[in-house]
Amino acid sequence: MALNKIKLNKKKFYFELSEKVINILNKKKNVVNIFFTGGNSAKKLYENIANNSNKINLQSKVKIFQTDERLFEKKKNTNSENIRINFIKNCVNKKIFFLPMIIKNNKFLNKPTYYNCYHNHEIDLIILTLGDDGHIASLSSGDSNIYSNKKLCYTKYNSKIINRVSIGPKFIKKAKKIYVISNGKKKLEMFKILNNKNSYYKKVNKILSKAYFFFD
């Protein structure tokens, strides 16, 4: 199955992608549900959306959730802090509500909030980044959750111990739209490998079959 590849202007990559996200933020419906990921590529996207907040003309309540969160991290290094500092704080006058993954003593305290979103609401957009090693959210080749049918899971990313919380394959596949930030040469090479017959890449290919990969 061929994956959806979209090329954006290199100099305007984040600006063009932010406009696509803003169009979804501005959808007219009861509630717009969007899942944000972490990482530097996502940070640049959130900064661009915030810098163009004059184009955000909300017609609905918008709820922002997380795709994954790191355990054992200082607050400043968490994905929730990335989203809060680079997006939420710069859109304070908008009808945007942030529902971060609340982790305390390495336990996912507000898990029911995320299950409720899955079972009772449409998921309008999930934003992911394609890792240099092929991981998505915190699902990687070193963790068996990629082969599961879970909605939410504790994962092992680059470690022998459980160190992250992540939405699972079933959650990702429910989204109406999936945008995967894939700019840079390493991401292009990894995108090519996703068509490999290796069991992990076959599974990622299947999970992201309706996703749009954005390249520069």
N, C-alpha and C. Protein backbone atom coordinates (compact mmCIF):
# COMPACT_ATOMS: atom_id res chain seq x y z
N MET A 1 0.84 -1.19 0.00
CA MET A 1 0.00 0.00 0.00
C MET A 1 0.88 1.25 0.00
N ALA A 2 0.66 2.13 -0.96
CA ALA A 2 1.46 3.35 -1.07
C ALA A 2 1.01 4.37 -0.02
N LEU A 3 1.98 4.93 0.73
CA LEU A 3 1.67 5.94 1.73
C LEU A 3 1.53 7.31 1.08
N ASN A 4 0.77 8.18 1.71
CA ASN A 4 0.50 9.51 1.16
C ASN A 4 1.63 10.48 1.46
N LYS A 5 2.29 10.95 0.43
CA LYS A 5 3.43 11.84 0.58
C LYS A 5 3.11 13.21 -0.01
N ILE A 6 3.30 14.27 0.79
CA ILE A 6 3.02 15.63 0.35
C ILE A 6 4.27 16.48 0.51
N LYS A 7 4.65 17.17 -0.54
CA LYS A 7 5.84 18.02 -0.51
C LYS A 7 5.43 19.47 -0.29
N LEU A 8 6.07 20.11 0.69
CA LEU A 8 5.82 21.52 0.98
C LEU A 8 7.08 22.33 0.66
N ASN A 9 6.89 23.63 0.47
CA ASN A 9 8.02 24.53 0.21
C ASN A 9 8.99 24.50 1.39
N LYS A 10 10.27 24.24 1.11
CA LYS A 10 11.26 24.09 2.20
C LYS A 10 11.31 25.32 3.09
N LYS A 11 11.29 26.52 2.48
CA LYS A 11 11.41 27.75 3.25
C LYS A 11 10.13 28.08 4.02
N LYS A 12 9.01 27.55 3.54
CA LYS A 12 7.73 27.85 4.19
C LYS A 12 7.10 26.60 4.79
N PHE A 13 7.91 25.59 5.03
CA PHE A 13 7.39 24.28 5.46
C PHE A 13 6.43 24.40 6.65
N TYR A 14 6.91 24.99 7.74
CA TYR A 14 6.09 25.05 8.95
C TYR A 14 4.92 26.02 8.80
N PHE A 15 5.11 27.07 8.02
CA PHE A 15 4.02 28.01 7.77
C PHE A 15 2.89 27.31 7.01
N GLU A 16 3.24 26.57 5.96
CA GLU A 16 2.22 25.89 5.16
C GLU A 16 1.52 24.79 5.96
N LEU A 17 2.29 24.08 6.76
CA LEU A 17 1.69 23.02 7.57
C LEU A 17 0.80 23.62 8.66
N SER A 18 1.24 24.74 9.24
CA SER A 18 0.43 25.38 10.28
C SER A 18 -0.92 25.83 9.73
N GLU A 19 -0.95 26.28 8.48
CA GLU A 19 -2.22 26.69 7.87
C GLU A 19 -3.18 25.53 7.73
N LYS A 20 -2.65 24.35 7.44
CA LYS A 20 -3.50 23.16 7.35
C LYS A 20 -4.10 22.80 8.71
N VAL A 21 -3.29 22.95 9.75
CA VAL A 21 -3.78 22.66 11.10
C VAL A 21 -4.81 23.71 11.52
N ILE A 22 -4.56 24.98 11.21
CA ILE A 22 -5.49 26.05 11.55
C ILE A 22 -6.84 25.83 10.89
N ASN A 23 -6.85 25.32 9.67
CA ASN A 23 -8.12 25.03 8.98
C ASN A 23 -8.95 24.02 9.77
N ILE A 24 -8.28 23.07 10.41
CA ILE A 24 -9.00 22.08 11.22
C ILE A 24 -9.44 22.71 12.55
N LEU A 25 -8.58 23.55 13.14
CA LEU A 25 -8.97 24.26 14.36
C LEU A 25 -10.23 25.08 14.14
N ASN A 26 -10.40 25.61 12.93
CA ASN A 26 -11.52 26.50 12.62
C ASN A 26 -12.77 25.75 12.16
N LYS A 27 -12.77 24.44 12.20
CA LYS A 27 -13.93 23.67 11.75
C LYS A 27 -15.16 24.01 12.59
N LYS A 28 -16.31 23.99 11.94
CA LYS A 28 -17.55 24.28 12.64
C LYS A 28 -18.21 22.97 13.07
N LYS A 29 -18.15 22.69 14.33
CA LYS A 29 -18.80 21.51 14.90
C LYS A 29 -18.90 21.71 16.41
N ASN A 30 -19.41 20.75 17.12
CA ASN A 30 -19.58 20.91 18.56
C ASN A 30 -18.24 21.05 19.27
N VAL A 31 -17.37 20.05 19.09
CA VAL A 31 -16.04 20.06 19.69
C VAL A 31 -15.03 19.54 18.68
N VAL A 32 -13.90 20.21 18.55
CA VAL A 32 -12.80 19.76 17.70
C VAL A 32 -11.75 19.13 18.60
N ASN A 33 -11.41 17.88 18.36
CA ASN A 33 -10.42 17.16 19.17
C ASN A 33 -9.15 16.93 18.37
N ILE A 34 -8.03 17.45 18.89
CA ILE A 34 -6.74 17.34 18.20
C ILE A 34 -5.69 16.81 19.18
N PHE A 35 -4.84 15.92 18.69
CA PHE A 35 -3.76 15.36 19.50
C PHE A 35 -2.42 15.89 19.02
N PHE A 36 -1.66 16.49 19.94
CA PHE A 36 -0.34 17.04 19.64
C PHE A 36 0.74 16.10 20.18
N THR A 37 1.83 16.02 19.46
CA THR A 37 2.99 15.23 19.88
C THR A 37 4.06 16.16 20.44
N GLY A 38 5.22 15.60 20.82
CA GLY A 38 6.32 16.41 21.36
C GLY A 38 7.46 16.50 20.36
N GLY A 39 8.64 16.89 20.82
CA GLY A 39 9.82 16.93 19.96
C GLY A 39 10.05 18.29 19.31
N ASN A 40 11.26 18.49 18.78
CA ASN A 40 11.65 19.78 18.20
C ASN A 40 10.88 20.13 16.94
N SER A 41 10.61 19.14 16.09
CA SER A 41 9.86 19.41 14.86
C SER A 41 8.45 19.90 15.19
N ALA A 42 7.83 19.27 16.17
CA ALA A 42 6.49 19.69 16.58
C ALA A 42 6.53 21.08 17.21
N LYS A 43 7.59 21.35 17.98
CA LYS A 43 7.74 22.66 18.62
C LYS A 43 7.69 23.78 17.58
N LYS A 44 8.39 23.59 16.47
CA LYS A 44 8.42 24.61 15.41
C LYS A 44 7.03 24.79 14.79
N LEU A 45 6.30 23.69 14.68
CA LEU A 45 4.94 23.78 14.14
C LEU A 45 4.05 24.59 15.09
N TYR A 46 4.11 24.30 16.39
CA TYR A 46 3.27 24.99 17.36
C TYR A 46 3.61 26.47 17.42
N GLU A 47 4.88 26.80 17.30
CA GLU A 47 5.30 28.20 17.28
C GLU A 47 4.70 28.92 16.07
N ASN A 48 4.71 28.25 14.92
CA ASN A 48 4.15 28.85 13.71
C ASN A 48 2.64 29.03 13.80
N ILE A 49 1.95 28.08 14.39
CA ILE A 49 0.50 28.23 14.56
C ILE A 49 0.22 29.42 15.47
N ALA A 50 0.96 29.50 16.57
CA ALA A 50 0.77 30.61 17.52
C ALA A 50 1.10 31.95 16.87
N ASN A 51 2.15 31.98 16.05
CA ASN A 51 2.54 33.23 15.38
C ASN A 51 1.50 33.68 14.35
N ASN A 52 0.68 32.74 13.91
CA ASN A 52 -0.38 33.06 12.94
C ASN A 52 -1.75 32.94 13.59
N SER A 53 -1.80 33.20 14.90
CA SER A 53 -3.05 33.03 15.64
C SER A 53 -4.14 34.00 15.18
N ASN A 54 -3.75 35.06 14.43
CA ASN A 54 -4.75 35.97 13.88
C ASN A 54 -5.64 35.27 12.86
N LYS A 55 -5.17 34.12 12.34
CA LYS A 55 -5.96 33.36 11.37
C LYS A 55 -6.86 32.32 12.06
N ILE A 56 -6.68 32.18 13.37
CA ILE A 56 -7.52 31.25 14.11
C ILE A 56 -8.84 31.94 14.43
N ASN A 57 -9.90 31.46 13.82
CA ASN A 57 -11.23 32.02 14.01
C ASN A 57 -12.15 30.89 14.46
N LEU A 58 -12.05 30.55 15.73
CA LEU A 58 -12.72 29.36 16.24
C LEU A 58 -14.24 29.49 16.17
N GLN A 59 -14.85 28.44 15.63
CA GLN A 59 -16.30 28.35 15.60
C GLN A 59 -16.79 27.24 16.53
N SER A 60 -15.85 26.60 17.20
CA SER A 60 -16.16 25.48 18.08
C SER A 60 -15.21 25.49 19.28
N LYS A 61 -15.56 24.73 20.29
CA LYS A 61 -14.63 24.48 21.38
C LYS A 61 -13.54 23.54 20.85
N VAL A 62 -12.29 23.83 21.16
CA VAL A 62 -11.17 23.00 20.70
C VAL A 62 -10.50 22.36 21.91
N LYS A 63 -10.36 21.04 21.86
CA LYS A 63 -9.65 20.32 22.92
C LYS A 63 -8.35 19.76 22.38
N ILE A 64 -7.26 20.09 23.06
CA ILE A 64 -5.94 19.61 22.67
C ILE A 64 -5.51 18.51 23.65
N PHE A 65 -5.21 17.33 23.11
CA PHE A 65 -4.72 16.21 23.90
C PHE A 65 -3.27 15.92 23.51
N GLN A 66 -2.65 14.99 24.20
CA GLN A 66 -1.28 14.57 23.86
C GLN A 66 -1.27 13.18 23.24
N THR A 67 -0.31 12.96 22.34
CA THR A 67 -0.12 11.61 21.81
C THR A 67 0.68 10.75 22.76
N ASP A 68 1.62 11.37 23.48
CA ASP A 68 2.49 10.61 24.38
C ASP A 68 3.17 11.54 25.38
N GLU A 69 3.68 10.93 26.45
CA GLU A 69 4.38 11.70 27.47
C GLU A 69 5.52 10.88 28.05
N ARG A 70 6.56 11.59 28.47
CA ARG A 70 7.75 10.95 29.02
C ARG A 70 7.64 10.81 30.53
N LEU A 71 8.02 9.64 31.03
CA LEU A 71 8.11 9.43 32.46
C LEU A 71 9.54 9.78 32.91
N PHE A 72 9.72 9.99 34.19
CA PHE A 72 11.05 10.24 34.77
C PHE A 72 11.72 11.51 34.25
N GLU A 73 10.96 12.44 33.65
CA GLU A 73 11.57 13.66 33.11
C GLU A 73 11.26 14.86 34.00
N LYS A 74 12.18 15.84 33.99
CA LYS A 74 11.90 17.11 34.63
C LYS A 74 10.79 17.79 33.84
N LYS A 75 10.03 18.64 34.50
CA LYS A 75 8.88 19.28 33.88
C LYS A 75 9.24 19.97 32.56
N LYS A 76 10.38 20.65 32.53
CA LYS A 76 10.77 21.42 31.34
C LYS A 76 11.04 20.54 30.13
N ASN A 77 11.29 19.25 30.35
CA ASN A 77 11.58 18.33 29.25
C ASN A 77 10.39 17.48 28.83
N THR A 78 9.24 17.73 29.40
CA THR A 78 8.07 16.93 29.07
C THR A 78 7.40 17.45 27.79
N ASN A 79 6.66 16.58 27.13
CA ASN A 79 5.93 16.98 25.93
C ASN A 79 4.83 17.98 26.28
N SER A 80 4.21 17.81 27.44
CA SER A 80 3.14 18.73 27.83
C SER A 80 3.66 20.15 27.99
N GLU A 81 4.87 20.29 28.52
CA GLU A 81 5.45 21.62 28.69
C GLU A 81 5.79 22.23 27.34
N ASN A 82 6.26 21.41 26.42
CA ASN A 82 6.51 21.86 25.04
C ASN A 82 5.25 22.44 24.44
N ILE A 83 4.14 21.72 24.55
CA ILE A 83 2.86 22.17 23.99
C ILE A 83 2.37 23.42 24.71
N ARG A 84 2.49 23.43 26.02
CA ARG A 84 1.99 24.55 26.82
C ARG A 84 2.76 25.84 26.51
N ILE A 85 4.09 25.77 26.46
CA ILE A 85 4.91 26.97 26.26
C ILE A 85 4.82 27.48 24.83
N ASN A 86 4.85 26.57 23.85
CA ASN A 86 4.94 26.99 22.45
C ASN A 86 3.60 27.17 21.75
N PHE A 87 2.54 26.71 22.38
CA PHE A 87 1.22 26.87 21.74
C PHE A 87 0.18 27.45 22.69
N ILE A 88 -0.11 26.75 23.77
CA ILE A 88 -1.21 27.14 24.65
C ILE A 88 -1.05 28.55 25.20
N LYS A 89 0.13 28.89 25.70
CA LYS A 89 0.35 30.21 26.31
C LYS A 89 0.23 31.35 25.30
N ASN A 90 0.41 31.04 24.02
CA ASN A 90 0.33 32.06 22.99
C ASN A 90 -1.04 32.14 22.34
N CYS A 91 -1.98 31.32 22.81
CA CYS A 91 -3.35 31.35 22.28
C CYS A 91 -4.34 31.50 23.43
N VAL A 92 -3.98 32.33 24.41
CA VAL A 92 -4.76 32.43 25.65
C VAL A 92 -6.16 33.00 25.44
N ASN A 93 -6.37 33.78 24.37
CA ASN A 93 -7.67 34.40 24.18
C ASN A 93 -8.60 33.57 23.31
N LYS A 94 -8.19 32.35 23.01
CA LYS A 94 -8.99 31.49 22.15
C LYS A 94 -9.73 30.44 22.98
N LYS A 95 -10.74 29.85 22.40
CA LYS A 95 -11.51 28.80 23.09
C LYS A 95 -10.80 27.45 22.95
N ILE A 96 -9.57 27.43 23.44
CA ILE A 96 -8.76 26.22 23.33
C ILE A 96 -8.50 25.67 24.73
N PHE A 97 -8.78 24.39 24.91
CA PHE A 97 -8.62 23.75 26.21
C PHE A 97 -7.58 22.64 26.10
N PHE A 98 -6.59 22.70 26.95
CA PHE A 98 -5.51 21.70 26.93
C PHE A 98 -5.76 20.66 27.99
N LEU A 99 -5.78 19.39 27.57
CA LEU A 99 -5.97 18.27 28.49
C LEU A 99 -4.73 17.38 28.43
N PRO A 100 -3.68 17.78 29.13
CA PRO A 100 -2.42 17.02 29.07
C PRO A 100 -2.55 15.66 29.74
N MET A 101 -1.62 14.78 29.42
CA MET A 101 -1.53 13.52 30.15
C MET A 101 -0.94 13.85 31.52
N ILE A 102 -1.71 13.63 32.57
CA ILE A 102 -1.25 13.95 33.92
C ILE A 102 -0.56 12.72 34.51
N ILE A 103 0.73 12.85 34.73
CA ILE A 103 1.54 11.73 35.24
C ILE A 103 2.04 12.08 36.64
N LYS A 104 1.79 11.21 37.59
CA LYS A 104 2.29 11.40 38.95
C LYS A 104 2.75 10.05 39.48
N ASN A 105 3.96 10.04 40.01
CA ASN A 105 4.56 8.78 40.48
C ASN A 105 4.50 7.71 39.39
N ASN A 106 4.72 8.20 38.14
CA ASN A 106 4.77 7.34 36.95
C ASN A 106 3.44 6.66 36.63
N LYS A 107 2.33 7.23 37.14
CA LYS A 107 1.01 6.70 36.84
C LYS A 107 0.22 7.72 36.03
N PHE A 108 -0.51 7.22 35.06
CA PHE A 108 -1.33 8.04 34.16
C PHE A 108 -2.66 8.30 34.85
N LEU A 109 -2.77 9.45 35.54
CA LEU A 109 -3.91 9.71 36.41
C LEU A 109 -5.21 10.00 35.68
N ASN A 110 -5.16 10.71 34.55
CA ASN A 110 -6.40 11.07 33.86
C ASN A 110 -6.66 10.21 32.62
N LYS A 111 -6.28 8.96 32.71
CA LYS A 111 -6.53 8.00 31.63
C LYS A 111 -8.01 7.98 31.20
N PRO A 112 -8.98 8.03 32.15
CA PRO A 112 -10.40 8.02 31.75
C PRO A 112 -10.77 9.15 30.79
N THR A 113 -10.12 10.32 30.92
CA THR A 113 -10.40 11.45 30.02
C THR A 113 -10.07 11.07 28.58
N TYR A 114 -8.98 10.35 28.40
CA TYR A 114 -8.55 9.94 27.06
C TYR A 114 -9.43 8.82 26.52
N TYR A 115 -9.80 7.89 27.38
CA TYR A 115 -10.73 6.83 26.95
C TYR A 115 -12.07 7.42 26.55
N ASN A 116 -12.52 8.43 27.29
CA ASN A 116 -13.78 9.08 26.97
C ASN A 116 -13.74 9.73 25.60
N CYS A 117 -12.62 10.37 25.29
CA CYS A 117 -12.46 10.98 23.96
C CYS A 117 -12.54 9.90 22.87
N TYR A 118 -11.87 8.79 23.12
CA TYR A 118 -11.86 7.71 22.12
C TYR A 118 -13.26 7.15 21.90
N HIS A 119 -13.98 6.87 22.97
CA HIS A 119 -15.26 6.17 22.87
C HIS A 119 -16.44 7.07 22.50
N ASN A 120 -16.36 8.36 22.84
CA ASN A 120 -17.55 9.21 22.71
C ASN A 120 -17.40 10.40 21.76
N HIS A 121 -16.22 10.56 21.16
CA HIS A 121 -16.02 11.74 20.30
C HIS A 121 -15.22 11.39 19.05
N GLU A 122 -15.41 12.22 18.02
CA GLU A 122 -14.55 12.10 16.83
C GLU A 122 -13.17 12.67 17.15
N ILE A 123 -12.16 12.07 16.58
CA ILE A 123 -10.79 12.60 16.68
C ILE A 123 -10.49 13.25 15.33
N ASP A 124 -10.44 14.56 15.31
CA ASP A 124 -10.33 15.29 14.05
C ASP A 124 -8.93 15.23 13.46
N LEU A 125 -7.92 15.24 14.32
CA LEU A 125 -6.54 15.26 13.82
C LEU A 125 -5.59 14.72 14.89
N ILE A 126 -4.65 13.89 14.44
CA ILE A 126 -3.52 13.50 15.28
C ILE A 126 -2.25 13.93 14.55
N ILE A 127 -1.42 14.69 15.24
CA ILE A 127 -0.14 15.12 14.68
C ILE A 127 0.96 14.24 15.25
N LEU A 128 1.76 13.67 14.37
CA LEU A 128 2.87 12.81 14.77
C LEU A 128 4.15 13.29 14.09
N THR A 129 5.29 12.86 14.60
CA THR A 129 6.54 13.04 13.88
C THR A 129 7.08 11.65 13.55
N LEU A 130 7.74 11.55 12.42
CA LEU A 130 8.37 10.29 12.03
C LEU A 130 9.78 10.30 12.58
N GLY A 131 10.07 9.41 13.54
CA GLY A 131 11.40 9.37 14.13
C GLY A 131 12.45 8.87 13.16
N ASP A 132 13.70 9.26 13.39
CA ASP A 132 14.79 8.81 12.53
C ASP A 132 14.90 7.29 12.53
N ASP A 133 14.42 6.66 13.61
CA ASP A 133 14.47 5.21 13.71
C ASP A 133 13.12 4.57 13.37
N GLY A 134 12.18 5.41 12.90
CA GLY A 134 10.89 4.89 12.48
C GLY A 134 9.82 4.88 13.55
N HIS A 135 10.09 5.40 14.75
CA HIS A 135 9.07 5.35 15.80
C HIS A 135 7.99 6.40 15.55
N ILE A 136 6.79 6.11 16.02
CA ILE A 136 5.67 7.05 15.93
C ILE A 136 5.04 7.15 17.32
N ALA A 137 4.67 8.38 17.73
CA ALA A 137 4.31 8.64 19.13
C ALA A 137 5.45 8.05 19.95
N SER A 138 5.19 7.15 20.88
CA SER A 138 6.29 6.47 21.58
C SER A 138 6.25 4.98 21.29
N LEU A 139 5.72 4.62 20.14
CA LEU A 139 5.67 3.23 19.71
C LEU A 139 6.88 2.96 18.82
N SER A 140 7.72 2.01 19.23
CA SER A 140 8.95 1.75 18.50
C SER A 140 9.15 0.26 18.28
N SER A 141 10.19 -0.05 17.52
CA SER A 141 10.48 -1.46 17.20
C SER A 141 10.90 -2.25 18.43
N GLY A 142 11.33 -1.55 19.47
CA GLY A 142 11.77 -2.23 20.68
C GLY A 142 10.66 -2.46 21.69
N ASP A 143 9.42 -2.18 21.27
CA ASP A 143 8.30 -2.30 22.19
C ASP A 143 7.17 -3.10 21.54
N SER A 144 6.64 -4.07 22.25
CA SER A 144 5.62 -4.97 21.67
C SER A 144 4.26 -4.30 21.46
N ASN A 145 4.04 -3.12 22.05
CA ASN A 145 2.74 -2.46 21.91
C ASN A 145 2.40 -2.11 20.47
N ILE A 146 3.41 -1.97 19.63
CA ILE A 146 3.16 -1.65 18.23
C ILE A 146 2.34 -2.74 17.56
N TYR A 147 2.43 -3.98 18.07
CA TYR A 147 1.72 -5.12 17.48
C TYR A 147 0.38 -5.38 18.17
N SER A 148 0.04 -4.54 19.13
CA SER A 148 -1.18 -4.75 19.91
C SER A 148 -2.36 -4.01 19.27
N ASN A 149 -3.51 -4.16 19.91
CA ASN A 149 -4.69 -3.43 19.48
C ASN A 149 -5.12 -2.48 20.61
N LYS A 150 -4.13 -1.98 21.36
CA LYS A 150 -4.42 -1.14 22.51
C LYS A 150 -4.80 0.28 22.11
N LYS A 151 -5.57 0.91 22.99
CA LYS A 151 -5.90 2.33 22.81
C LYS A 151 -4.85 3.20 23.50
N LEU A 152 -4.45 2.81 24.71
CA LEU A 152 -3.43 3.52 25.48
C LEU A 152 -2.47 2.50 26.06
N CYS A 153 -1.21 2.88 26.21
CA CYS A 153 -0.24 1.90 26.71
C CYS A 153 0.98 2.57 27.34
N TYR A 154 1.65 1.82 28.20
CA TYR A 154 2.96 2.20 28.72
C TYR A 154 3.98 1.55 27.79
N THR A 155 4.99 2.31 27.39
CA THR A 155 5.92 1.82 26.38
C THR A 155 7.37 1.86 26.84
N LYS A 156 8.18 1.09 26.13
CA LYS A 156 9.63 1.08 26.34
C LYS A 156 10.26 1.69 25.10
N TYR A 157 10.72 2.93 25.23
CA TYR A 157 11.35 3.59 24.09
C TYR A 157 12.84 3.81 24.38
N ASN A 158 13.69 3.17 23.60
CA ASN A 158 15.15 3.25 23.79
C ASN A 158 15.55 2.88 25.22
N SER A 159 14.87 1.91 25.79
CA SER A 159 15.16 1.54 27.17
C SER A 159 14.60 0.16 27.46
N LYS A 160 15.16 -0.49 28.48
CA LYS A 160 14.65 -1.79 28.90
C LYS A 160 13.54 -1.64 29.94
N ILE A 161 13.30 -0.38 30.38
CA ILE A 161 12.25 -0.15 31.36
C ILE A 161 11.13 0.68 30.74
N ILE A 162 9.96 0.56 31.31
CA ILE A 162 8.83 1.37 30.84
C ILE A 162 9.13 2.83 31.13
N ASN A 163 9.13 3.66 30.10
CA ASN A 163 9.50 5.06 30.33
C ASN A 163 8.63 6.09 29.62
N ARG A 164 7.53 5.64 29.00
CA ARG A 164 6.62 6.60 28.37
C ARG A 164 5.18 6.08 28.41
N VAL A 165 4.25 7.01 28.27
CA VAL A 165 2.84 6.69 28.09
C VAL A 165 2.48 7.13 26.68
N SER A 166 1.69 6.34 25.97
CA SER A 166 1.41 6.66 24.57
C SER A 166 0.01 6.22 24.17
N ILE A 167 -0.58 6.93 23.21
CA ILE A 167 -1.78 6.40 22.59
C ILE A 167 -1.33 5.18 21.77
N GLY A 168 -2.17 4.18 21.67
CA GLY A 168 -1.82 2.95 20.98
C GLY A 168 -2.28 2.92 19.53
N PRO A 169 -1.97 1.83 18.82
CA PRO A 169 -2.34 1.71 17.40
C PRO A 169 -3.82 1.93 17.12
N LYS A 170 -4.69 1.38 17.99
CA LYS A 170 -6.13 1.51 17.77
C LYS A 170 -6.57 2.97 17.84
N PHE A 171 -5.97 3.72 18.75
CA PHE A 171 -6.29 5.15 18.92
C PHE A 171 -5.88 5.92 17.67
N ILE A 172 -4.68 5.66 17.17
CA ILE A 172 -4.18 6.38 16.00
C ILE A 172 -5.07 6.13 14.79
N LYS A 173 -5.45 4.88 14.61
CA LYS A 173 -6.24 4.52 13.42
C LYS A 173 -7.65 5.11 13.43
N LYS A 174 -8.13 5.54 14.60
CA LYS A 174 -9.48 6.11 14.66
C LYS A 174 -9.54 7.54 14.12
N ALA A 175 -8.42 8.24 14.10
CA ALA A 175 -8.41 9.66 13.71
C ALA A 175 -8.91 9.86 12.28
N LYS A 176 -9.66 10.94 12.08
CA LYS A 176 -10.13 11.28 10.73
C LYS A 176 -8.96 11.71 9.86
N LYS A 177 -8.00 12.45 10.46
CA LYS A 177 -6.80 12.86 9.72
C LYS A 177 -5.58 12.62 10.60
N ILE A 178 -4.49 12.22 9.97
CA ILE A 178 -3.21 12.05 10.65
C ILE A 178 -2.16 12.80 9.84
N TYR A 179 -1.49 13.76 10.46
CA TYR A 179 -0.41 14.49 9.80
C TYR A 179 0.91 14.05 10.43
N VAL A 180 1.86 13.63 9.60
CA VAL A 180 3.16 13.19 10.09
C VAL A 180 4.23 14.15 9.60
N ILE A 181 4.88 14.86 10.53
CA ILE A 181 5.97 15.78 10.18
C ILE A 181 7.19 14.95 9.81
N SER A 182 7.65 15.10 8.57
CA SER A 182 8.71 14.22 8.06
C SER A 182 9.79 14.99 7.31
N ASN A 183 10.04 16.23 7.71
CA ASN A 183 11.02 17.04 6.99
C ASN A 183 12.46 16.65 7.33
N GLY A 184 13.35 16.83 6.37
CA GLY A 184 14.76 16.49 6.57
C GLY A 184 15.13 15.20 5.84
N LYS A 185 16.41 15.07 5.52
CA LYS A 185 16.89 13.92 4.73
C LYS A 185 16.70 12.59 5.45
N LYS A 186 16.95 12.59 6.77
CA LYS A 186 16.83 11.34 7.53
C LYS A 186 15.40 10.82 7.51
N LYS A 187 14.44 11.74 7.55
CA LYS A 187 13.03 11.32 7.55
C LYS A 187 12.64 10.77 6.18
N LEU A 188 13.21 11.34 5.13
CA LEU A 188 12.93 10.84 3.79
C LEU A 188 13.44 9.41 3.64
N GLU A 189 14.63 9.15 4.15
CA GLU A 189 15.18 7.79 4.08
C GLU A 189 14.33 6.82 4.89
N MET A 190 13.88 7.27 6.07
CA MET A 190 13.05 6.40 6.90
C MET A 190 11.70 6.13 6.23
N PHE A 191 11.15 7.14 5.57
CA PHE A 191 9.88 6.97 4.85
C PHE A 191 10.00 5.86 3.80
N LYS A 192 11.13 5.82 3.11
CA LYS A 192 11.35 4.79 2.09
C LYS A 192 11.39 3.39 2.73
N ILE A 193 11.97 3.34 3.94
CA ILE A 193 12.11 2.05 4.63
C ILE A 193 10.76 1.53 5.12
N LEU A 194 9.77 2.42 5.29
CA LEU A 194 8.47 1.99 5.79
C LEU A 194 7.80 0.97 4.87
N ASN A 195 8.25 0.89 3.62
CA ASN A 195 7.70 -0.10 2.71
C ASN A 195 8.47 -1.42 2.76
N ASN A 196 9.43 -1.49 3.69
CA ASN A 196 10.21 -2.71 3.91
C ASN A 196 9.28 -3.82 4.42
N LYS A 197 9.62 -5.06 4.14
CA LYS A 197 8.78 -6.18 4.57
C LYS A 197 9.06 -6.63 6.00
N ASN A 198 10.00 -5.95 6.67
CA ASN A 198 10.24 -6.21 8.09
C ASN A 198 8.92 -6.07 8.84
N SER A 199 8.66 -6.93 9.81
CA SER A 199 7.35 -6.97 10.49
C SER A 199 7.00 -5.64 11.16
N TYR A 200 8.00 -4.96 11.74
CA TYR A 200 7.73 -3.68 12.39
C TYR A 200 7.28 -2.63 11.38
N TYR A 201 8.02 -2.50 10.28
CA TYR A 201 7.68 -1.49 9.29
C TYR A 201 6.36 -1.80 8.59
N LYS A 202 6.06 -3.05 8.41
CA LYS A 202 4.76 -3.44 7.84
C LYS A 202 3.64 -2.98 8.76
N LYS A 203 3.86 -3.13 10.08
CA LYS A 203 2.84 -2.72 11.04
C LYS A 203 2.67 -1.20 11.04
N VAL A 204 3.78 -0.45 11.03
CA VAL A 204 3.71 1.01 11.00
C VAL A 204 3.00 1.46 9.72
N ASN A 205 3.33 0.83 8.60
CA ASN A 205 2.69 1.15 7.33
C ASN A 205 1.18 0.98 7.42
N LYS A 206 0.76 -0.08 8.07
CA LYS A 206 -0.67 -0.36 8.20
C LYS A 206 -1.35 0.67 9.11
N ILE A 207 -0.72 0.99 10.24
CA ILE A 207 -1.28 1.96 11.18
C ILE A 207 -1.43 3.34 10.53
N LEU A 208 -0.45 3.70 9.68
CA LEU A 208 -0.42 5.03 9.06
C LEU A 208 -0.89 5.02 7.61
N SER A 209 -1.69 4.05 7.25
CA SER A 209 -2.13 3.90 5.85
C SER A 209 -2.91 5.11 5.34
N LYS A 210 -3.62 5.80 6.21
CA LYS A 210 -4.39 6.98 5.76
C LYS A 210 -3.74 8.30 6.19
N ALA A 211 -2.51 8.21 6.72
CA ALA A 211 -1.81 9.42 7.17
C ALA A 211 -1.23 10.20 5.99
N TYR A 212 -0.99 11.49 6.21
CA TYR A 212 -0.32 12.34 5.23
C TYR A 212 1.07 12.68 5.77
N PHE A 213 2.10 12.32 5.03
CA PHE A 213 3.48 12.59 5.41
C PHE A 213 3.92 13.88 4.71
N PHE A 214 4.38 14.85 5.49
CA PHE A 214 4.77 16.14 4.91
C PHE A 214 6.29 16.27 4.86
N PHE A 215 6.80 16.48 3.64
CA PHE A 215 8.24 16.60 3.39
C PHE A 215 8.57 17.98 2.84
N ASP A 216 9.85 18.35 2.97
CA ASP A 216 10.27 19.64 2.39
C ASP A 216 11.15 19.37 1.17
